[in-house]
Amino acid sequence: MSDTINKYQSISCSYYDQIEAYATKRTHCSILYRDESEKIADGIIVDIYSKESAEYLKVDNGTVIRLDHIISINGIPVPKHC
């Protein structure tokens, strides 16, 4: 992968807060994200954590997604700017 894909880009603080709210309320989420291609993970966010200078979330089905790879959650797109 190229450096631009590997270098973590922080997401909007307000969007991060929304992710935390989904996790706290145990809201079922449909998460559209990019990996090798666009994928969808459906489930409840059970953890949000940092590892190796990047932030991740974990869905109850075991899927782990780097936050800057998220395109949208429940149809709400990630803002392009903070």
PDB file of N, CA and C in Angstrom:
ATOM      1  N   MET A   1       0.835  -1.184   0.000  1.00  0.00           N
ATOM      2  CA  MET A   1       0.000   0.000   0.000  1.00  0.00           C
ATOM      3  C   MET A   1       0.877   1.244   0.000  1.00  0.00           C
ATOM      4  N   SER A   2       0.364   2.307  -0.544  1.00  0.00           N
ATOM      5  CA  SER A   2       1.134   3.537  -0.596  1.00  0.00           C
ATOM      6  C   SER A   2       1.110   4.245   0.754  1.00  0.00           C
ATOM      7  N   ASP A   3       2.034   5.210   0.930  1.00  0.00           N
ATOM      8  CA  ASP A   3       2.110   5.963   2.180  1.00  0.00           C
ATOM      9  C   ASP A   3       0.835   6.733   2.464  1.00  0.00           C
ATOM     10  N   THR A   4       0.150   7.243   1.424  1.00  0.00           N
ATOM     11  CA  THR A   4      -1.067   8.013   1.660  1.00  0.00           C
ATOM     12  C   THR A   4      -2.179   7.134   2.224  1.00  0.00           C
ATOM     13  N   ILE A   5      -2.173   5.856   1.905  1.00  0.00           N
ATOM     14  CA  ILE A   5      -3.167   4.943   2.461  1.00  0.00           C
ATOM     15  C   ILE A   5      -2.767   4.554   3.880  1.00  0.00           C
ATOM     16  N   ASN A   6      -1.474   4.336   4.130  1.00  0.00           N
ATOM     17  CA  ASN A   6      -1.016   3.901   5.436  1.00  0.00           C
ATOM     18  C   ASN A   6      -0.954   5.016   6.464  1.00  0.00           C
ATOM     19  N   LYS A   7      -0.689   6.262   6.067  1.00  0.00           N
ATOM     20  CA  LYS A   7      -0.587   7.359   7.011  1.00  0.00           C
ATOM     21  C   LYS A   7      -1.975   7.712   7.532  1.00  0.00           C
ATOM     22  N   TYR A   8      -2.134   7.654   8.848  1.00  0.00           N
ATOM     23  CA  TYR A   8      -3.438   7.917   9.453  1.00  0.00           C
ATOM     24  C   TYR A   8      -3.799   9.392   9.355  1.00  0.00           C
ATOM     25  N   GLN A   9      -5.031   9.664   8.945  1.00  0.00           N
ATOM     26  CA  GLN A   9      -5.581  11.014   8.881  1.00  0.00           C
ATOM     27  C   GLN A   9      -6.696  11.100   9.919  1.00  0.00           C
ATOM     28  N   SER A  10      -6.538  11.973  10.905  1.00  0.00           N
ATOM     29  CA  SER A  10      -7.560  12.119  11.951  1.00  0.00           C
ATOM     30  C   SER A  10      -8.905  12.484  11.341  1.00  0.00           C
ATOM     31  N   ILE A  11      -9.964  11.953  11.948  1.00  0.00           N
ATOM     32  CA  ILE A  11     -11.306  12.292  11.479  1.00  0.00           C
ATOM     33  C   ILE A  11     -11.833  13.472  12.298  1.00  0.00           C
ATOM     34  N   SER A  12     -12.897  14.053  11.845  1.00  0.00           N
ATOM     35  CA  SER A  12     -13.561  15.171  12.510  1.00  0.00           C
ATOM     36  C   SER A  12     -13.914  14.795  13.950  1.00  0.00           C
ATOM     37  N   CYS A  13     -13.666  15.721  14.880  1.00  0.00           N
ATOM     38  CA  CYS A  13     -13.992  15.483  16.290  1.00  0.00           C
ATOM     39  C   CYS A  13     -15.491  15.225  16.477  1.00  0.00           C
ATOM     40  N   SER A  14     -16.317  15.958  15.747  1.00  0.00           N
ATOM     41  CA  SER A  14     -17.760  15.764  15.889  1.00  0.00           C
ATOM     42  C   SER A  14     -18.178  14.382  15.372  1.00  0.00           C
ATOM     43  N   TYR A  15     -17.518  13.896  14.316  1.00  0.00           N
ATOM     44  CA  TYR A  15     -17.846  12.563  13.803  1.00  0.00           C
ATOM     45  C   TYR A  15     -17.366  11.498  14.783  1.00  0.00           C
ATOM     46  N   TYR A  16     -16.192  11.730  15.380  1.00  0.00           N
ATOM     47  CA  TYR A  16     -15.684  10.811  16.402  1.00  0.00           C
ATOM     48  C   TYR A  16     -16.680  10.741  17.558  1.00  0.00           C
ATOM     49  N   ASP A  17     -17.198  11.897  17.969  1.00  0.00           N
ATOM     50  CA  ASP A  17     -18.203  11.935  19.031  1.00  0.00           C
ATOM     51  C   ASP A  17     -19.436  11.126  18.645  1.00  0.00           C
ATOM     52  N   GLN A  18     -19.838  11.207  17.365  1.00  0.00           N
ATOM     53  CA  GLN A  18     -20.999  10.438  16.893  1.00  0.00           C
ATOM     54  C   GLN A  18     -20.715   8.939  16.974  1.00  0.00           C
ATOM     55  N   ILE A  19     -19.502   8.538  16.605  1.00  0.00           N
ATOM     56  CA  ILE A  19     -19.123   7.120  16.702  1.00  0.00           C
ATOM     57  C   ILE A  19     -19.196   6.662  18.154  1.00  0.00           C
ATOM     58  N   GLU A  20     -18.688   7.486  19.081  1.00  0.00           N
ATOM     59  CA  GLU A  20     -18.759   7.151  20.506  1.00  0.00           C
ATOM     60  C   GLU A  20     -20.209   7.030  20.966  1.00  0.00           C
ATOM     61  N   ALA A  21     -21.077   7.910  20.480  1.00  0.00           N
ATOM     62  CA  ALA A  21     -22.497   7.853  20.848  1.00  0.00           C
ATOM     63  C   ALA A  21     -23.125   6.550  20.347  1.00  0.00           C
ATOM     64  N   TYR A  22     -22.823   6.151  19.117  1.00  0.00           N
ATOM     65  CA  TYR A  22     -23.333   4.873  18.594  1.00  0.00           C
ATOM     66  C   TYR A  22     -22.884   3.724  19.489  1.00  0.00           C
ATOM     67  N   ALA A  23     -21.619   3.743  19.904  1.00  0.00           N
ATOM     68  CA  ALA A  23     -21.085   2.667  20.744  1.00  0.00           C
ATOM     69  C   ALA A  23     -21.755   2.673  22.122  1.00  0.00           C
ATOM     70  N   THR A  24     -21.869   3.848  22.720  1.00  0.00           N
ATOM     71  CA  THR A  24     -22.457   3.961  24.055  1.00  0.00           C
ATOM     72  C   THR A  24     -23.918   3.523  24.064  1.00  0.00           C
ATOM     73  N   LYS A  25     -24.656   3.919  23.040  1.00  0.00           N
ATOM     74  CA  LYS A  25     -26.081   3.583  22.958  1.00  0.00           C
ATOM     75  C   LYS A  25     -26.328   2.193  22.374  1.00  0.00           C
ATOM     76  N   ARG A  26     -25.237   1.525  21.970  1.00  0.00           N
ATOM     77  CA  ARG A  26     -25.320   0.192  21.357  1.00  0.00           C
ATOM     78  C   ARG A  26     -26.268   0.198  20.146  1.00  0.00           C
ATOM     79  N   THR A  27     -26.109   1.246  19.323  1.00  0.00           N
ATOM     80  CA  THR A  27     -26.913   1.419  18.118  1.00  0.00           C
ATOM     81  C   THR A  27     -26.412   0.480  17.029  1.00  0.00           C
ATOM     82  N   HIS A  28     -27.328  -0.222  16.376  1.00  0.00           N
ATOM     83  CA  HIS A  28     -26.939  -1.049  15.234  1.00  0.00           C
ATOM     84  C   HIS A  28     -26.496  -0.119  14.114  1.00  0.00           C
ATOM     85  N   CYS A  29     -25.340  -0.385  13.543  1.00  0.00           N
ATOM     86  CA  CYS A  29     -24.775   0.492  12.517  1.00  0.00           C
ATOM     87  C   CYS A  29     -24.489  -0.269  11.227  1.00  0.00           C
ATOM     88  N   SER A  30     -24.651   0.436  10.141  1.00  0.00           N
ATOM     89  CA  SER A  30     -24.226  -0.029   8.823  1.00  0.00           C
ATOM     90  C   SER A  30     -23.066   0.879   8.433  1.00  0.00           C
ATOM     91  N   ILE A  31     -21.858   0.315   8.421  1.00  0.00           N
ATOM     92  CA  ILE A  31     -20.644   1.093   8.222  1.00  0.00           C
ATOM     93  C   ILE A  31     -20.075   0.805   6.835  1.00  0.00           C
ATOM     94  N   LEU A  32     -20.059   1.836   5.998  1.00  0.00           N
ATOM     95  CA  LEU A  32     -19.460   1.735   4.678  1.00  0.00           C
ATOM     96  C   LEU A  32     -18.017   2.216   4.814  1.00  0.00           C
ATOM     97  N   TYR A  33     -17.077   1.375   4.393  1.00  0.00           N
ATOM     98  CA  TYR A  33     -15.669   1.730   4.521  1.00  0.00           C
ATOM     99  C   TYR A  33     -14.884   1.182   3.339  1.00  0.00           C
ATOM    100  N   ARG A  34     -13.675   1.702   3.204  1.00  0.00           N
ATOM    101  CA  ARG A  34     -12.819   1.209   2.128  1.00  0.00           C
ATOM    102  C   ARG A  34     -11.679   0.401   2.726  1.00  0.00           C
ATOM    103  N   ASP A  35     -11.398  -0.693   2.056  1.00  0.00           N
ATOM    104  CA  ASP A  35     -10.278  -1.569   2.386  1.00  0.00           C
ATOM    105  C   ASP A  35      -9.583  -1.753   1.048  1.00  0.00           C
ATOM    106  N   GLU A  36      -9.524  -2.913   0.533  1.00  0.00           N
ATOM    107  CA  GLU A  36      -9.056  -3.106  -0.843  1.00  0.00           C
ATOM    108  C   GLU A  36     -10.128  -2.615  -1.813  1.00  0.00           C
ATOM    109  N   SER A  37     -11.376  -2.677  -1.357  1.00  0.00           N
ATOM    110  CA  SER A  37     -12.530  -2.178  -2.105  1.00  0.00           C
ATOM    111  C   SER A  37     -13.521  -1.647  -1.073  1.00  0.00           C
ATOM    112  N   GLU A  38     -14.645  -1.100  -1.521  1.00  0.00           N
ATOM    113  CA  GLU A  38     -15.658  -0.645  -0.571  1.00  0.00           C
ATOM    114  C   GLU A  38     -16.354  -1.858   0.031  1.00  0.00           C
ATOM    115  N   LYS A  39     -16.556  -1.802   1.344  1.00  0.00           N
ATOM    116  CA  LYS A  39     -17.205  -2.895   2.063  1.00  0.00           C
ATOM    117  C   LYS A  39     -18.215  -2.314   3.041  1.00  0.00           C
ATOM    118  N   ILE A  40     -19.111  -3.171   3.499  1.00  0.00           N
ATOM    119  CA  ILE A  40     -20.090  -2.781   4.507  1.00  0.00           C
ATOM    120  C   ILE A  40     -19.970  -3.741   5.685  1.00  0.00           C
ATOM    121  N   ALA A  41     -19.923  -3.163   6.878  1.00  0.00           N
ATOM    122  CA  ALA A  41     -19.962  -3.954   8.109  1.00  0.00           C
ATOM    123  C   ALA A  41     -21.235  -3.562   8.847  1.00  0.00           C
ATOM    124  N   ASP A  42     -22.028  -4.538   9.214  1.00  0.00           N
ATOM    125  CA  ASP A  42     -23.260  -4.301   9.964  1.00  0.00           C
ATOM    126  C   ASP A  42     -23.106  -4.866  11.365  1.00  0.00           C
ATOM    127  N   GLY A  43     -23.477  -4.060  12.358  1.00  0.00           N
ATOM    128  CA  GLY A  43     -23.430  -4.541  13.734  1.00  0.00           C
ATOM    129  C   GLY A  43     -23.338  -3.398  14.717  1.00  0.00           C
ATOM    130  N   ILE A  44     -22.986  -3.758  15.950  1.00  0.00           N
ATOM    131  CA  ILE A  44     -22.860  -2.794  17.039  1.00  0.00           C
ATOM    132  C   ILE A  44     -21.379  -2.539  17.283  1.00  0.00           C
ATOM    133  N   ILE A  45     -21.021  -1.255  17.407  1.00  0.00           N
ATOM    134  CA  ILE A  45     -19.635  -0.886  17.703  1.00  0.00           C
ATOM    135  C   ILE A  45     -19.372  -1.229  19.167  1.00  0.00           C
ATOM    136  N   VAL A  46     -18.423  -2.137  19.405  1.00  0.00           N
ATOM    137  CA  VAL A  46     -18.144  -2.594  20.763  1.00  0.00           C
ATOM    138  C   VAL A  46     -16.860  -2.011  21.341  1.00  0.00           C
ATOM    139  N   ASP A  47     -16.019  -1.401  20.506  1.00  0.00           N
ATOM    140  CA  ASP A  47     -14.773  -0.830  21.012  1.00  0.00           C
ATOM    141  C   ASP A  47     -14.252   0.221  20.046  1.00  0.00           C
ATOM    142  N   ILE A  48     -13.637   1.250  20.603  1.00  0.00           N
ATOM    143  CA  ILE A  48     -12.923   2.276  19.838  1.00  0.00           C
ATOM    144  C   ILE A  48     -11.576   2.401  20.525  1.00  0.00           C
ATOM    145  N   TYR A  49     -10.493   2.251  19.773  1.00  0.00           N
ATOM    146  CA  TYR A  49      -9.178   2.244  20.408  1.00  0.00           C
ATOM    147  C   TYR A  49      -8.093   2.756  19.465  1.00  0.00           C
ATOM    148  N   SER A  50      -6.934   3.072  20.054  1.00  0.00           N
ATOM    149  CA  SER A  50      -5.762   3.511  19.295  1.00  0.00           C
ATOM    150  C   SER A  50      -4.731   2.393  19.285  1.00  0.00           C
ATOM    151  N   LYS A  51      -4.054   2.277  18.148  1.00  0.00           N
ATOM    152  CA  LYS A  51      -2.993   1.280  17.999  1.00  0.00           C
ATOM    153  C   LYS A  51      -2.046   1.774  16.919  1.00  0.00           C
ATOM    154  N   GLU A  52      -0.769   1.806  17.234  1.00  0.00           N
ATOM    155  CA  GLU A  52       0.264   2.188  16.269  1.00  0.00           C
ATOM    156  C   GLU A  52      -0.067   3.496  15.562  1.00  0.00           C
ATOM    157  N   SER A  53      -0.398   4.526  16.337  1.00  0.00           N
ATOM    158  CA  SER A  53      -0.668   5.889  15.840  1.00  0.00           C
ATOM    159  C   SER A  53      -1.898   6.008  14.939  1.00  0.00           C
ATOM    160  N   ALA A  54      -2.833   5.105  15.074  1.00  0.00           N
ATOM    161  CA  ALA A  54      -4.080   5.172  14.315  1.00  0.00           C
ATOM    162  C   ALA A  54      -5.229   4.791  15.247  1.00  0.00           C
ATOM    163  N   GLU A  55      -6.452   5.169  14.863  1.00  0.00           N
ATOM    164  CA  GLU A  55      -7.629   4.856  15.661  1.00  0.00           C
ATOM    165  C   GLU A  55      -8.509   3.862  14.904  1.00  0.00           C
ATOM    166  N   TYR A  56      -9.104   2.961  15.655  1.00  0.00           N
ATOM    167  CA  TYR A  56      -9.894   1.880  15.087  1.00  0.00           C
ATOM    168  C   TYR A  56     -11.198   1.722  15.850  1.00  0.00           C
ATOM    169  N   LEU A  57     -12.164   1.083  15.192  1.00  0.00           N
ATOM    170  CA  LEU A  57     -13.345   0.625  15.897  1.00  0.00           C
ATOM    171  C   LEU A  57     -13.502  -0.860  15.615  1.00  0.00           C
ATOM    172  N   LYS A  58     -14.161  -1.528  16.553  1.00  0.00           N
ATOM    173  CA  LYS A  58     -14.436  -2.954  16.393  1.00  0.00           C
ATOM    174  C   LYS A  58     -15.937  -3.154  16.480  1.00  0.00           C
ATOM    175  N   VAL A  59     -16.461  -3.928  15.539  1.00  0.00           N
ATOM    176  CA  VAL A  59     -17.885  -4.246  15.472  1.00  0.00           C
ATOM    177  C   VAL A  59     -18.093  -5.601  16.154  1.00  0.00           C
ATOM    178  N   ASP A  60     -19.282  -5.826  16.690  1.00  0.00           N
ATOM    179  CA  ASP A  60     -19.556  -7.064  17.421  1.00  0.00           C
ATOM    180  C   ASP A  60     -19.384  -8.335  16.599  1.00  0.00           C
ATOM    181  N   ASN A  61     -19.309  -8.236  15.287  1.00  0.00           N
ATOM    182  CA  ASN A  61     -19.066  -9.425  14.456  1.00  0.00           C
ATOM    183  C   ASN A  61     -17.566  -9.689  14.263  1.00  0.00           C
ATOM    184  N   GLY A  62     -16.715  -8.874  14.924  1.00  0.00           N
ATOM    185  CA  GLY A  62     -15.267  -9.061  14.844  1.00  0.00           C
ATOM    186  C   GLY A  62     -14.555  -8.175  13.835  1.00  0.00           C
ATOM    187  N   THR A  63     -15.294  -7.479  12.987  1.00  0.00           N
ATOM    188  CA  THR A  63     -14.694  -6.594  11.994  1.00  0.00           C
ATOM    189  C   THR A  63     -14.000  -5.425  12.687  1.00  0.00           C
ATOM    190  N   VAL A  64     -12.761  -5.142  12.272  1.00  0.00           N
ATOM    191  CA  VAL A  64     -12.004  -3.998  12.785  1.00  0.00           C
ATOM    192  C   VAL A  64     -11.792  -3.033  11.624  1.00  0.00           C
ATOM    193  N   ILE A  65     -12.111  -1.753  11.854  1.00  0.00           N
ATOM    194  CA  ILE A  65     -12.041  -0.741  10.797  1.00  0.00           C
ATOM    195  C   ILE A  65     -11.238   0.446  11.296  1.00  0.00           C
ATOM    196  N   ARG A  66     -10.260   0.867  10.501  1.00  0.00           N
ATOM    197  CA  ARG A  66      -9.518   2.075  10.834  1.00  0.00           C
ATOM    198  C   ARG A  66     -10.438   3.263  10.576  1.00  0.00           C
ATOM    199  N   LEU A  67     -10.510   4.199  11.521  1.00  0.00           N
ATOM    200  CA  LEU A  67     -11.490   5.277  11.432  1.00  0.00           C
ATOM    201  C   LEU A  67     -11.357   6.111  10.171  1.00  0.00           C
ATOM    202  N   ASP A  68     -10.139   6.334   9.693  1.00  0.00           N
ATOM    203  CA  ASP A  68     -10.000   7.154   8.485  1.00  0.00           C
ATOM    204  C   ASP A  68     -10.318   6.394   7.204  1.00  0.00           C
ATOM    205  N   HIS A  69     -10.751   5.141   7.332  1.00  0.00           N
ATOM    206  CA  HIS A  69     -11.198   4.371   6.166  1.00  0.00           C
ATOM    207  C   HIS A  69     -12.718   4.349   6.068  1.00  0.00           C
ATOM    208  N   ILE A  70     -13.388   4.943   7.059  1.00  0.00           N
ATOM    209  CA  ILE A  70     -14.852   4.986   7.051  1.00  0.00           C
ATOM    210  C   ILE A  70     -15.324   6.010   6.019  1.00  0.00           C
ATOM    211  N   ILE A  71     -16.300   5.609   5.229  1.00  0.00           N
ATOM    212  CA  ILE A  71     -16.942   6.502   4.251  1.00  0.00           C
ATOM    213  C   ILE A  71     -18.216   7.084   4.859  1.00  0.00           C
ATOM    214  N   SER A  72     -19.011   6.220   5.504  1.00  0.00           N
ATOM    215  CA  SER A  72     -20.232   6.678   6.166  1.00  0.00           C
ATOM    216  C   SER A  72     -20.675   5.648   7.193  1.00  0.00           C
ATOM    217  N   ILE A  73     -21.473   6.126   8.150  1.00  0.00           N
ATOM    218  CA  ILE A  73     -22.118   5.240   9.116  1.00  0.00           C
ATOM    219  C   ILE A  73     -23.600   5.591   9.116  1.00  0.00           C
ATOM    220  N   ASN A  74     -24.426   4.586   8.918  1.00  0.00           N
ATOM    221  CA  ASN A  74     -25.885   4.773   8.848  1.00  0.00           C
ATOM    222  C   ASN A  74     -26.258   5.876   7.863  1.00  0.00           C
ATOM    223  N   GLY A  75     -25.537   5.918   6.753  1.00  0.00           N
ATOM    224  CA  GLY A  75     -25.825   6.872   5.695  1.00  0.00           C
ATOM    225  C   GLY A  75     -25.286   8.271   5.926  1.00  0.00           C
ATOM    226  N   ILE A  76     -24.654   8.505   7.075  1.00  0.00           N
ATOM    227  CA  ILE A  76     -24.095   9.834   7.380  1.00  0.00           C
ATOM    228  C   ILE A  76     -22.621   9.831   6.978  1.00  0.00           C
ATOM    229  N   PRO A  77     -22.272  10.614   5.942  1.00  0.00           N
ATOM    230  CA  PRO A  77     -20.884  10.605   5.455  1.00  0.00           C
ATOM    231  C   PRO A  77     -19.923  11.276   6.428  1.00  0.00           C
ATOM    232  N   VAL A  78     -18.680  10.826   6.391  1.00  0.00           N
ATOM    233  CA  VAL A  78     -17.622  11.469   7.168  1.00  0.00           C
ATOM    234  C   VAL A  78     -17.353  12.825   6.536  1.00  0.00           C
ATOM    235  N   PRO A  79     -17.334  13.905   7.346  1.00  0.00           N
ATOM    236  CA  PRO A  79     -17.040  15.234   6.780  1.00  0.00           C
ATOM    237  C   PRO A  79     -15.649  15.284   6.161  1.00  0.00           C
ATOM    238  N   LYS A  80     -15.518  16.042   5.106  1.00  0.00           N
ATOM    239  CA  LYS A  80     -14.226  16.160   4.434  1.00  0.00           C
ATOM    240  C   LYS A  80     -13.251  16.998   5.257  1.00  0.00           C
ATOM    241  N   HIS A  81     -13.781  17.895   6.108  1.00  0.00           N
ATOM    242  CA  HIS A  81     -12.941  18.765   6.932  1.00  0.00           C
ATOM    243  C   HIS A  81     -13.470  18.761   8.355  1.00  0.00           C
ATOM    244  N   CYS A  82     -12.589  19.115   9.294  1.00  0.00           N
ATOM    245  CA  CYS A  82     -12.989  19.215  10.708  1.00  0.00           C
ATOM    246  C   CYS A  82     -13.941  20.364  10.918  1.00  0.00           C
TER     247      CYS A  82
END
